[in-house]
Amino acid sequence: MKLARTAFFAHTVSTDLALVPFSPEIVDDYHELHVRNHDRIRLSEPAPALPPSRAEAEALLLSSGQAWLRGTAVPVAIAHRSDGLEKLVGAANLRINAYLQSAEVGIWIDAEWEGRGIAKEALSVLIDYGFNSVKLARISLRTASENTRCRALAKGLGFSEEGTHRKAIPLPGGRSDEVVYGLLAEDWDRRR
């Protein structure tokens, strides 16, 4: 994929990573990525039994892009650059509640790309944007209690575990507890 041809712009995270705004221009690559990871995603967050159709993926990208324009979300695909090509390797979102000056962040990474620090790099950019540009007071992260990678990521980013919602997440194997993490702007500033 050539991002310059498919997206209006991309935010460079590092020499090999970029955040690409959700838009219909990336639908084919995003749909392929999501279908490939659908069964894995369903193990840690609520999702339909079947992967989205191309039309459903396009509608998601369009509505998410509109949420960005309204200022209620920052939905991005994560692209890895290598040998002049870009490949989508995940997605992240910062869902904003301007009235409460808070947001919730979420992320998933392609199975092939897990464990390389991509999630931490991408979320750091979104968190920094939330606190420094949007002027949020807090950001939360929620995950299934079994999702040890996401829980370690939250702690590694400086989030504090704030509580557990019992049997809050419907998953294919039954209901799972949801662990809630929070990060305050002043805590993020101290880490910088």
N, C-alpha and C. Protein backbone atom coordinates (compact mmCIF):
# COMPACT_ATOMS: atom_id res chain seq x y z
N MET A 1 0.85 -1.18 0.00
CA MET A 1 0.00 0.00 0.00
C MET A 1 0.88 1.23 0.00
N LYS A 2 0.50 2.23 -0.74
CA LYS A 2 1.18 3.51 -0.74
C LYS A 2 0.26 4.51 -0.04
N LEU A 3 0.61 4.90 1.18
CA LEU A 3 -0.26 5.79 1.96
C LEU A 3 -0.51 7.10 1.25
N ALA A 4 0.47 7.63 0.56
CA ALA A 4 0.30 8.91 -0.12
C ALA A 4 -0.84 8.85 -1.13
N ARG A 5 -1.10 7.68 -1.67
CA ARG A 5 -2.17 7.54 -2.65
C ARG A 5 -3.52 7.21 -2.00
N THR A 6 -3.51 6.71 -0.80
CA THR A 6 -4.76 6.22 -0.23
C THR A 6 -5.29 7.04 0.93
N ALA A 7 -4.47 7.85 1.58
CA ALA A 7 -4.93 8.60 2.73
C ALA A 7 -4.62 10.09 2.51
N PHE A 8 -5.42 10.93 3.13
CA PHE A 8 -5.19 12.37 3.00
C PHE A 8 -3.88 12.77 3.67
N PHE A 9 -3.58 12.17 4.80
CA PHE A 9 -2.32 12.43 5.48
C PHE A 9 -2.07 11.32 6.48
N ALA A 10 -0.84 11.26 6.95
CA ALA A 10 -0.47 10.28 7.98
C ALA A 10 0.43 10.99 8.98
N HIS A 11 0.32 10.62 10.23
CA HIS A 11 1.18 11.17 11.27
C HIS A 11 2.32 10.19 11.51
N THR A 12 3.54 10.63 11.27
CA THR A 12 4.70 9.77 11.47
C THR A 12 4.96 9.61 12.97
N VAL A 13 5.03 8.37 13.43
CA VAL A 13 5.33 8.05 14.82
C VAL A 13 6.82 7.83 14.99
N SER A 14 7.40 7.10 14.05
CA SER A 14 8.83 6.82 14.04
C SER A 14 9.23 6.59 12.58
N THR A 15 10.46 6.24 12.35
CA THR A 15 10.89 6.04 10.96
C THR A 15 10.13 4.91 10.28
N ASP A 16 9.57 3.98 11.06
CA ASP A 16 8.87 2.86 10.44
C ASP A 16 7.40 2.74 10.82
N LEU A 17 6.86 3.70 11.58
CA LEU A 17 5.44 3.66 11.95
C LEU A 17 4.74 4.97 11.65
N ALA A 18 3.48 4.85 11.22
CA ALA A 18 2.66 6.04 10.98
C ALA A 18 1.23 5.74 11.42
N LEU A 19 0.53 6.77 11.86
CA LEU A 19 -0.90 6.66 12.18
C LEU A 19 -1.66 7.28 11.02
N VAL A 20 -2.61 6.52 10.48
CA VAL A 20 -3.36 6.92 9.30
C VAL A 20 -4.82 7.09 9.71
N PRO A 21 -5.40 8.28 9.51
CA PRO A 21 -6.81 8.49 9.89
C PRO A 21 -7.73 7.49 9.18
N PHE A 22 -8.74 7.04 9.92
CA PHE A 22 -9.75 6.18 9.31
C PHE A 22 -10.46 6.98 8.23
N SER A 23 -10.54 6.42 7.04
CA SER A 23 -11.30 7.00 5.94
C SER A 23 -11.55 5.88 4.93
N PRO A 24 -12.55 6.05 4.09
CA PRO A 24 -12.83 5.01 3.09
C PRO A 24 -11.67 4.73 2.15
N GLU A 25 -10.71 5.63 2.06
CA GLU A 25 -9.57 5.43 1.15
C GLU A 25 -8.72 4.22 1.53
N ILE A 26 -8.78 3.77 2.79
CA ILE A 26 -7.95 2.63 3.22
C ILE A 26 -8.78 1.35 3.40
N VAL A 27 -10.00 1.34 2.87
CA VAL A 27 -10.94 0.26 3.16
C VAL A 27 -10.41 -1.13 2.80
N ASP A 28 -9.79 -1.30 1.66
CA ASP A 28 -9.35 -2.65 1.27
C ASP A 28 -8.30 -3.19 2.23
N ASP A 29 -7.31 -2.37 2.55
CA ASP A 29 -6.26 -2.82 3.47
C ASP A 29 -6.80 -3.03 4.88
N TYR A 30 -7.68 -2.11 5.33
CA TYR A 30 -8.25 -2.25 6.67
C TYR A 30 -9.14 -3.49 6.76
N HIS A 31 -9.96 -3.71 5.74
CA HIS A 31 -10.86 -4.86 5.75
C HIS A 31 -10.05 -6.16 5.81
N GLU A 32 -9.02 -6.26 4.99
CA GLU A 32 -8.17 -7.45 5.00
C GLU A 32 -7.54 -7.68 6.38
N LEU A 33 -7.03 -6.61 6.98
CA LEU A 33 -6.42 -6.69 8.31
C LEU A 33 -7.44 -7.15 9.35
N HIS A 34 -8.62 -6.57 9.32
CA HIS A 34 -9.65 -6.90 10.31
C HIS A 34 -10.14 -8.33 10.15
N VAL A 35 -10.37 -8.76 8.92
CA VAL A 35 -10.82 -10.14 8.68
C VAL A 35 -9.77 -11.13 9.19
N ARG A 36 -8.50 -10.84 8.91
CA ARG A 36 -7.41 -11.73 9.32
C ARG A 36 -7.33 -11.85 10.85
N ASN A 37 -7.72 -10.82 11.58
CA ASN A 37 -7.59 -10.80 13.03
C ASN A 37 -8.91 -10.92 13.78
N HIS A 38 -10.00 -11.09 13.06
CA HIS A 38 -11.32 -11.06 13.68
C HIS A 38 -11.47 -12.06 14.83
N ASP A 39 -11.08 -13.30 14.61
CA ASP A 39 -11.25 -14.31 15.66
C ASP A 39 -10.44 -13.95 16.91
N ARG A 40 -9.24 -13.40 16.73
CA ARG A 40 -8.41 -12.98 17.87
C ARG A 40 -9.05 -11.81 18.61
N ILE A 41 -9.59 -10.84 17.85
CA ILE A 41 -10.22 -9.66 18.46
C ILE A 41 -11.39 -10.10 19.32
N ARG A 42 -12.17 -11.05 18.83
CA ARG A 42 -13.35 -11.52 19.57
C ARG A 42 -13.00 -12.17 20.91
N LEU A 43 -11.76 -12.61 21.07
CA LEU A 43 -11.38 -13.24 22.33
C LEU A 43 -11.19 -12.25 23.46
N SER A 44 -11.07 -10.95 23.12
CA SER A 44 -10.81 -9.97 24.18
C SER A 44 -11.74 -8.77 24.17
N GLU A 45 -12.62 -8.66 23.17
CA GLU A 45 -13.58 -7.57 23.18
C GLU A 45 -14.84 -7.99 22.44
N PRO A 46 -15.98 -7.40 22.78
CA PRO A 46 -17.23 -7.78 22.12
C PRO A 46 -17.14 -7.49 20.62
N ALA A 47 -17.51 -8.45 19.82
CA ALA A 47 -17.52 -8.30 18.37
C ALA A 47 -18.51 -9.29 17.79
N PRO A 48 -19.09 -8.97 16.65
CA PRO A 48 -20.01 -9.91 16.01
C PRO A 48 -19.32 -11.24 15.71
N ALA A 49 -20.12 -12.27 15.54
CA ALA A 49 -19.57 -13.60 15.28
C ALA A 49 -18.82 -13.66 13.95
N LEU A 50 -19.29 -12.93 12.97
CA LEU A 50 -18.65 -12.93 11.66
C LEU A 50 -17.85 -11.65 11.47
N PRO A 51 -16.76 -11.72 10.70
CA PRO A 51 -16.01 -10.50 10.42
C PRO A 51 -16.85 -9.55 9.57
N PRO A 52 -16.51 -8.27 9.58
CA PRO A 52 -17.30 -7.32 8.79
C PRO A 52 -17.13 -7.57 7.29
N SER A 53 -18.19 -7.29 6.55
CA SER A 53 -18.09 -7.30 5.09
C SER A 53 -17.29 -6.07 4.68
N ARG A 54 -16.90 -6.02 3.42
CA ARG A 54 -16.18 -4.84 2.94
C ARG A 54 -17.04 -3.60 3.11
N ALA A 55 -18.33 -3.70 2.81
CA ALA A 55 -19.25 -2.56 2.95
C ALA A 55 -19.35 -2.12 4.41
N GLU A 56 -19.40 -3.09 5.33
CA GLU A 56 -19.46 -2.74 6.75
C GLU A 56 -18.16 -2.07 7.21
N ALA A 57 -17.03 -2.55 6.72
CA ALA A 57 -15.74 -1.94 7.06
C ALA A 57 -15.69 -0.51 6.52
N GLU A 58 -16.18 -0.32 5.30
CA GLU A 58 -16.19 1.02 4.72
C GLU A 58 -17.09 1.96 5.53
N ALA A 59 -18.25 1.47 5.94
CA ALA A 59 -19.16 2.28 6.75
C ALA A 59 -18.52 2.65 8.09
N LEU A 60 -17.81 1.70 8.71
CA LEU A 60 -17.11 1.97 9.96
C LEU A 60 -16.06 3.05 9.77
N LEU A 61 -15.26 2.93 8.71
CA LEU A 61 -14.22 3.92 8.44
C LEU A 61 -14.83 5.30 8.21
N LEU A 62 -15.92 5.35 7.47
CA LEU A 62 -16.59 6.62 7.18
C LEU A 62 -17.15 7.25 8.46
N SER A 63 -17.89 6.47 9.25
CA SER A 63 -18.48 7.04 10.47
C SER A 63 -17.40 7.42 11.48
N SER A 64 -16.32 6.64 11.53
CA SER A 64 -15.23 6.98 12.44
C SER A 64 -14.54 8.27 12.01
N GLY A 65 -14.35 8.43 10.70
CA GLY A 65 -13.77 9.67 10.19
C GLY A 65 -14.65 10.87 10.49
N GLN A 66 -15.96 10.68 10.42
CA GLN A 66 -16.89 11.76 10.75
C GLN A 66 -16.82 12.10 12.24
N ALA A 67 -16.61 11.09 13.09
CA ALA A 67 -16.45 11.34 14.53
C ALA A 67 -15.21 12.19 14.77
N TRP A 68 -14.15 11.94 14.01
CA TRP A 68 -12.93 12.75 14.13
C TRP A 68 -13.26 14.21 13.80
N LEU A 69 -13.99 14.41 12.70
CA LEU A 69 -14.34 15.77 12.30
C LEU A 69 -15.22 16.47 13.33
N ARG A 70 -16.05 15.71 14.05
CA ARG A 70 -16.88 16.27 15.12
C ARG A 70 -16.08 16.50 16.41
N GLY A 71 -14.88 15.94 16.47
CA GLY A 71 -14.06 16.10 17.66
C GLY A 71 -14.38 15.11 18.77
N THR A 72 -15.06 14.02 18.42
CA THR A 72 -15.45 13.04 19.43
C THR A 72 -14.59 11.78 19.42
N ALA A 73 -13.66 11.68 18.46
CA ALA A 73 -12.80 10.50 18.39
C ALA A 73 -11.58 10.80 17.53
N VAL A 74 -10.54 10.00 17.76
CA VAL A 74 -9.35 10.03 16.90
C VAL A 74 -9.08 8.58 16.51
N PRO A 75 -9.79 8.10 15.48
CA PRO A 75 -9.62 6.71 15.02
C PRO A 75 -8.51 6.63 13.98
N VAL A 76 -7.56 5.72 14.20
CA VAL A 76 -6.43 5.61 13.27
C VAL A 76 -6.09 4.15 12.99
N ALA A 77 -5.60 3.93 11.79
CA ALA A 77 -4.96 2.67 11.46
C ALA A 77 -3.47 2.87 11.72
N ILE A 78 -2.80 1.79 12.07
CA ILE A 78 -1.36 1.85 12.34
C ILE A 78 -0.66 1.20 11.15
N ALA A 79 0.24 1.95 10.53
CA ALA A 79 0.94 1.46 9.35
C ALA A 79 2.43 1.28 9.65
N HIS A 80 2.97 0.18 9.19
CA HIS A 80 4.41 -0.08 9.31
C HIS A 80 5.03 0.16 7.94
N ARG A 81 6.15 0.90 7.94
CA ARG A 81 6.83 1.22 6.68
C ARG A 81 8.09 0.37 6.56
N SER A 82 8.25 -0.23 5.40
CA SER A 82 9.45 -1.03 5.13
C SER A 82 9.66 -1.11 3.63
N ASP A 83 10.88 -0.86 3.19
CA ASP A 83 11.24 -0.95 1.78
C ASP A 83 10.33 -0.10 0.89
N GLY A 84 9.94 1.07 1.38
CA GLY A 84 9.13 1.98 0.59
C GLY A 84 7.65 1.64 0.55
N LEU A 85 7.24 0.59 1.24
CA LEU A 85 5.83 0.21 1.27
C LEU A 85 5.28 0.34 2.68
N GLU A 86 3.99 0.59 2.78
CA GLU A 86 3.32 0.66 4.06
C GLU A 86 2.32 -0.48 4.17
N LYS A 87 2.28 -1.09 5.35
CA LYS A 87 1.34 -2.19 5.59
C LYS A 87 0.59 -1.88 6.87
N LEU A 88 -0.74 -1.99 6.84
CA LEU A 88 -1.53 -1.78 8.05
C LEU A 88 -1.29 -2.94 9.00
N VAL A 89 -0.98 -2.61 10.27
CA VAL A 89 -0.66 -3.64 11.26
C VAL A 89 -1.52 -3.53 12.52
N GLY A 90 -2.48 -2.62 12.52
CA GLY A 90 -3.34 -2.49 13.69
C GLY A 90 -4.23 -1.27 13.59
N ALA A 91 -4.98 -1.04 14.67
CA ALA A 91 -5.87 0.11 14.73
C ALA A 91 -5.96 0.59 16.18
N ALA A 92 -6.19 1.88 16.34
CA ALA A 92 -6.33 2.46 17.67
C ALA A 92 -7.38 3.56 17.61
N ASN A 93 -7.91 3.92 18.77
CA ASN A 93 -8.93 4.96 18.81
C ASN A 93 -8.88 5.67 20.16
N LEU A 94 -9.06 6.96 20.12
CA LEU A 94 -9.22 7.78 21.31
C LEU A 94 -10.63 8.34 21.24
N ARG A 95 -11.56 7.85 22.07
CA ARG A 95 -12.95 8.30 22.07
C ARG A 95 -13.08 9.39 23.13
N ILE A 96 -13.46 10.59 22.69
CA ILE A 96 -13.39 11.79 23.51
C ILE A 96 -14.76 12.22 24.01
N ASN A 97 -14.84 12.56 25.30
CA ASN A 97 -16.00 13.21 25.88
C ASN A 97 -15.53 14.60 26.32
N ALA A 98 -15.73 15.58 25.46
CA ALA A 98 -15.22 16.93 25.72
C ALA A 98 -15.84 17.53 26.98
N TYR A 99 -17.11 17.26 27.22
CA TYR A 99 -17.78 17.82 28.39
C TYR A 99 -17.10 17.38 29.68
N LEU A 100 -16.72 16.10 29.75
CA LEU A 100 -16.05 15.57 30.94
C LEU A 100 -14.53 15.74 30.90
N GLN A 101 -14.02 16.25 29.79
CA GLN A 101 -12.57 16.38 29.57
C GLN A 101 -11.88 15.02 29.78
N SER A 102 -12.49 13.99 29.22
CA SER A 102 -11.94 12.64 29.38
C SER A 102 -12.07 11.88 28.06
N ALA A 103 -11.38 10.76 28.01
CA ALA A 103 -11.44 9.92 26.82
C ALA A 103 -11.16 8.48 27.22
N GLU A 104 -11.47 7.58 26.30
CA GLU A 104 -11.12 6.17 26.46
C GLU A 104 -10.30 5.77 25.25
N VAL A 105 -9.24 5.03 25.49
CA VAL A 105 -8.36 4.62 24.41
C VAL A 105 -8.46 3.11 24.22
N GLY A 106 -8.32 2.67 22.98
CA GLY A 106 -8.33 1.25 22.68
C GLY A 106 -7.39 0.96 21.52
N ILE A 107 -6.95 -0.29 21.43
CA ILE A 107 -6.00 -0.65 20.38
C ILE A 107 -6.04 -2.15 20.13
N TRP A 108 -5.73 -2.55 18.91
CA TRP A 108 -5.44 -3.96 18.60
C TRP A 108 -4.38 -4.00 17.52
N ILE A 109 -3.55 -5.02 17.59
CA ILE A 109 -2.41 -5.18 16.69
C ILE A 109 -2.52 -6.55 16.00
N ASP A 110 -2.16 -6.59 14.74
CA ASP A 110 -2.12 -7.83 13.97
C ASP A 110 -1.25 -8.86 14.70
N ALA A 111 -1.69 -10.10 14.71
CA ALA A 111 -0.97 -11.16 15.43
C ALA A 111 0.50 -11.23 15.03
N GLU A 112 0.78 -11.06 13.77
CA GLU A 112 2.15 -11.14 13.26
C GLU A 112 3.04 -10.02 13.81
N TRP A 113 2.45 -8.92 14.25
CA TRP A 113 3.21 -7.74 14.66
C TRP A 113 3.20 -7.50 16.17
N GLU A 114 2.53 -8.34 16.93
CA GLU A 114 2.50 -8.18 18.39
C GLU A 114 3.90 -8.33 18.98
N GLY A 115 4.12 -7.70 20.12
CA GLY A 115 5.36 -7.86 20.86
C GLY A 115 6.52 -7.04 20.34
N ARG A 116 6.25 -6.08 19.47
CA ARG A 116 7.32 -5.26 18.89
C ARG A 116 7.31 -3.82 19.39
N GLY A 117 6.44 -3.52 20.36
CA GLY A 117 6.37 -2.16 20.89
C GLY A 117 5.50 -1.21 20.08
N ILE A 118 4.83 -1.73 19.06
CA ILE A 118 4.00 -0.89 18.20
C ILE A 118 2.83 -0.29 18.97
N ALA A 119 2.17 -1.09 19.78
CA ALA A 119 1.01 -0.59 20.54
C ALA A 119 1.43 0.53 21.49
N LYS A 120 2.55 0.38 22.15
CA LYS A 120 3.01 1.41 23.08
C LYS A 120 3.34 2.71 22.35
N GLU A 121 4.01 2.59 21.20
CA GLU A 121 4.34 3.79 20.42
C GLU A 121 3.07 4.50 19.94
N ALA A 122 2.14 3.74 19.39
CA ALA A 122 0.91 4.34 18.84
C ALA A 122 0.07 4.97 19.94
N LEU A 123 -0.13 4.26 21.05
CA LEU A 123 -0.94 4.83 22.13
C LEU A 123 -0.26 6.03 22.76
N SER A 124 1.05 6.04 22.83
CA SER A 124 1.75 7.21 23.38
C SER A 124 1.42 8.47 22.59
N VAL A 125 1.35 8.33 21.26
CA VAL A 125 1.00 9.48 20.42
C VAL A 125 -0.43 9.93 20.70
N LEU A 126 -1.37 8.98 20.76
CA LEU A 126 -2.77 9.34 21.00
C LEU A 126 -2.95 9.95 22.39
N ILE A 127 -2.29 9.39 23.38
CA ILE A 127 -2.38 9.91 24.75
C ILE A 127 -1.80 11.32 24.81
N ASP A 128 -0.65 11.51 24.20
CA ASP A 128 -0.02 12.82 24.17
C ASP A 128 -0.94 13.84 23.50
N TYR A 129 -1.54 13.45 22.40
CA TYR A 129 -2.48 14.32 21.70
C TYR A 129 -3.66 14.66 22.62
N GLY A 130 -4.21 13.65 23.29
CA GLY A 130 -5.35 13.87 24.17
C GLY A 130 -5.05 14.85 25.29
N PHE A 131 -3.91 14.69 25.92
CA PHE A 131 -3.58 15.57 27.04
C PHE A 131 -3.08 16.94 26.59
N ASN A 132 -2.25 16.99 25.55
CA ASN A 132 -1.61 18.24 25.18
C ASN A 132 -2.37 19.07 24.14
N SER A 133 -3.11 18.43 23.25
CA SER A 133 -3.85 19.18 22.23
C SER A 133 -5.32 19.35 22.60
N VAL A 134 -5.95 18.27 23.06
CA VAL A 134 -7.37 18.33 23.41
C VAL A 134 -7.56 18.86 24.84
N LYS A 135 -6.49 18.81 25.64
CA LYS A 135 -6.50 19.28 27.03
C LYS A 135 -7.42 18.43 27.91
N LEU A 136 -7.35 17.12 27.73
CA LEU A 136 -8.12 16.20 28.57
C LEU A 136 -7.54 16.16 29.97
N ALA A 137 -8.37 15.83 30.94
CA ALA A 137 -7.92 15.67 32.33
C ALA A 137 -7.56 14.21 32.62
N ARG A 138 -8.24 13.27 31.94
CA ARG A 138 -7.98 11.84 32.17
C ARG A 138 -8.29 11.02 30.94
N ILE A 139 -7.62 9.89 30.85
CA ILE A 139 -7.87 8.91 29.79
C ILE A 139 -8.00 7.55 30.46
N SER A 140 -8.99 6.80 30.05
CA SER A 140 -9.16 5.46 30.61
C SER A 140 -8.91 4.41 29.54
N LEU A 141 -8.64 3.21 29.99
CA LEU A 141 -8.44 2.04 29.14
C LEU A 141 -9.16 0.89 29.83
N ARG A 142 -9.95 0.15 29.07
CA ARG A 142 -10.69 -0.99 29.61
C ARG A 142 -10.30 -2.22 28.83
N THR A 143 -10.18 -3.35 29.53
CA THR A 143 -9.82 -4.58 28.84
C THR A 143 -10.35 -5.79 29.60
N ALA A 144 -10.51 -6.88 28.88
CA ALA A 144 -10.90 -8.14 29.53
C ALA A 144 -9.79 -8.56 30.49
N SER A 145 -10.18 -9.11 31.62
CA SER A 145 -9.19 -9.49 32.64
C SER A 145 -8.18 -10.49 32.10
N GLU A 146 -8.55 -11.30 31.12
CA GLU A 146 -7.64 -12.30 30.56
C GLU A 146 -6.63 -11.71 29.57
N ASN A 147 -6.83 -10.48 29.16
CA ASN A 147 -5.98 -9.87 28.15
C ASN A 147 -4.69 -9.34 28.80
N THR A 148 -3.77 -10.25 29.06
CA THR A 148 -2.55 -9.90 29.79
C THR A 148 -1.66 -8.93 29.02
N ARG A 149 -1.65 -9.01 27.70
CA ARG A 149 -0.84 -8.07 26.91
C ARG A 149 -1.34 -6.64 27.10
N CYS A 150 -2.64 -6.46 27.01
CA CYS A 150 -3.21 -5.12 27.15
C CYS A 150 -3.03 -4.60 28.57
N ARG A 151 -3.16 -5.46 29.54
CA ARG A 151 -2.97 -5.05 30.94
C ARG A 151 -1.53 -4.61 31.18
N ALA A 152 -0.57 -5.34 30.61
CA ALA A 152 0.84 -4.96 30.74
C ALA A 152 1.11 -3.65 30.00
N LEU A 153 0.47 -3.47 28.84
CA LEU A 153 0.61 -2.23 28.09
C LEU A 153 0.11 -1.04 28.92
N ALA A 154 -1.06 -1.19 29.53
CA ALA A 154 -1.61 -0.11 30.36
C ALA A 154 -0.63 0.28 31.47
N LYS A 155 -0.12 -0.70 32.16
CA LYS A 155 0.83 -0.41 33.24
C LYS A 155 2.11 0.21 32.71
N GLY A 156 2.58 -0.27 31.57
CA GLY A 156 3.79 0.27 30.96
C GLY A 156 3.65 1.72 30.52
N LEU A 157 2.43 2.13 30.22
CA LEU A 157 2.16 3.52 29.83
C LEU A 157 1.87 4.41 31.04
N GLY A 158 1.85 3.83 32.23
CA GLY A 158 1.63 4.62 33.43
C GLY A 158 0.19 4.66 33.93
N PHE A 159 -0.70 3.87 33.33
CA PHE A 159 -2.08 3.81 33.81
C PHE A 159 -2.11 3.13 35.17
N SER A 160 -3.06 3.55 36.00
CA SER A 160 -3.30 2.91 37.30
C SER A 160 -4.54 2.03 37.19
N GLU A 161 -4.46 0.84 37.75
CA GLU A 161 -5.64 -0.03 37.78
C GLU A 161 -6.63 0.57 38.77
N GLU A 162 -7.85 0.82 38.32
CA GLU A 162 -8.83 1.51 39.15
C GLU A 162 -9.96 0.61 39.63
N GLY A 163 -10.15 -0.52 38.98
CA GLY A 163 -11.23 -1.38 39.43
C GLY A 163 -11.57 -2.45 38.41
N THR A 164 -12.53 -3.28 38.80
CA THR A 164 -12.98 -4.38 37.95
C THR A 164 -14.50 -4.37 37.89
N HIS A 165 -15.02 -4.45 36.69
CA HIS A 165 -16.45 -4.62 36.48
C HIS A 165 -16.67 -6.12 36.25
N ARG A 166 -17.35 -6.75 37.16
CA ARG A 166 -17.52 -8.20 37.09
C ARG A 166 -18.44 -8.61 35.94
N LYS A 167 -17.96 -9.60 35.19
CA LYS A 167 -18.71 -10.20 34.07
C LYS A 167 -19.32 -9.13 33.15
N ALA A 168 -18.55 -8.11 32.83
CA ALA A 168 -19.03 -6.98 32.05
C ALA A 168 -18.90 -7.15 30.54
N ILE A 169 -18.04 -8.08 30.10
CA ILE A 169 -17.76 -8.20 28.67
C ILE A 169 -18.25 -9.54 28.14
N PRO A 170 -19.22 -9.53 27.20
CA PRO A 170 -19.66 -10.79 26.59
C PRO A 170 -18.64 -11.25 25.54
N LEU A 171 -18.08 -12.42 25.75
CA LEU A 171 -17.10 -13.00 24.83
C LEU A 171 -17.61 -14.37 24.38
N PRO A 172 -17.05 -14.92 23.33
CA PRO A 172 -17.53 -16.22 22.83
C PRO A 172 -17.54 -17.33 23.89
N GLY A 173 -16.59 -17.33 24.81
CA GLY A 173 -16.51 -18.37 25.83
C GLY A 173 -17.31 -18.08 27.09
N GLY A 174 -18.05 -16.98 27.11
CA GLY A 174 -18.80 -16.58 28.29
C GLY A 174 -18.44 -15.15 28.67
N ARG A 175 -19.02 -14.68 29.75
CA ARG A 175 -18.78 -13.31 30.18
C ARG A 175 -17.45 -13.20 30.91
N SER A 176 -16.76 -12.08 30.69
CA SER A 176 -15.46 -11.84 31.29
C SER A 176 -15.50 -10.59 32.16
N ASP A 177 -14.67 -10.58 33.19
CA ASP A 177 -14.50 -9.36 33.97
C ASP A 177 -13.78 -8.32 33.12
N GLU A 178 -14.09 -7.06 33.36
CA GLU A 178 -13.45 -5.95 32.67
C GLU A 178 -12.61 -5.18 33.68
N VAL A 179 -11.33 -5.02 33.38
CA VAL A 179 -10.44 -4.26 34.25
C VAL A 179 -10.33 -2.85 33.69
N VAL A 180 -10.50 -1.86 34.58
CA VAL A 180 -10.50 -0.45 34.19
C VAL A 180 -9.21 0.21 34.69
N TYR A 181 -8.54 0.91 33.77
CA TYR A 181 -7.32 1.65 34.10
C TYR A 181 -7.56 3.13 33.83
N GLY A 182 -6.88 3.98 34.58
CA GLY A 182 -6.99 5.42 34.37
C GLY A 182 -5.62 6.08 34.39
N LEU A 183 -5.52 7.15 33.62
CA LEU A 183 -4.29 7.93 33.55
C LEU A 183 -4.69 9.40 33.60
N LEU A 184 -4.09 10.15 34.51
CA LEU A 184 -4.38 11.57 34.64
C LEU A 184 -3.33 12.38 33.90
N ALA A 185 -3.73 13.59 33.47
CA ALA A 185 -2.81 14.44 32.72
C ALA A 185 -1.54 14.72 33.52
N GLU A 186 -1.68 14.98 34.80
CA GLU A 186 -0.49 15.29 35.60
C GLU A 186 0.44 14.09 35.74
N ASP A 187 -0.13 12.89 35.75
CA ASP A 187 0.72 11.69 35.80
C ASP A 187 1.48 11.52 34.48
N TRP A 188 0.81 11.81 33.37
CA TRP A 188 1.46 11.71 32.06
C TRP A 188 2.58 12.75 31.95
N ASP A 189 2.30 13.97 32.41
CA ASP A 189 3.33 15.02 32.36
C ASP A 189 4.56 14.64 33.17
N ARG A 190 4.37 14.02 34.31
CA ARG A 190 5.52 13.61 35.14
C ARG A 190 6.36 12.55 34.44
N ARG A 191 5.74 11.73 33.61
CA ARG A 191 6.48 10.67 32.90
C ARG A 191 7.29 11.22 31.74
N ARG A 192 6.94 12.37 31.26
CA ARG A 192 7.60 12.96 30.08
C ARG A 192 8.88 13.57 30.46
